[in-house]
Amino acid sequence: MAMSVGYVLVDVEPGTEHSVFEAASALSFVSDSQILFGEHDLILKIDAETIGEIARMVVESIRSIEGVTNTKTLACAEI
């Protein structure tokens, strides 16, 4: 059972929105994904055991998708 949740705002190269969306949505740890209008292009919901694991997934998997130019990870508070 996942104990940590993070949201990742993703910026992509123009014209790659759909291919990045498809690649990111296919990742096993992404539980929800949406294409956005506005400052960022996509938002991804990540479920994991720890915040550290979320950070590792972003660096190793999401940032390596062709077309991704920037990410911003929002870690949900564990109160």
Foldseek 3Di string as FASTA:
>chain_A
DFDWKKKKFWAFDPPCLVVLQVQVVPDPQFPDKDADPDDTGMMTMGTHNDPVVVVVCCVPPSCPPHGTDDMDMGIDDRD
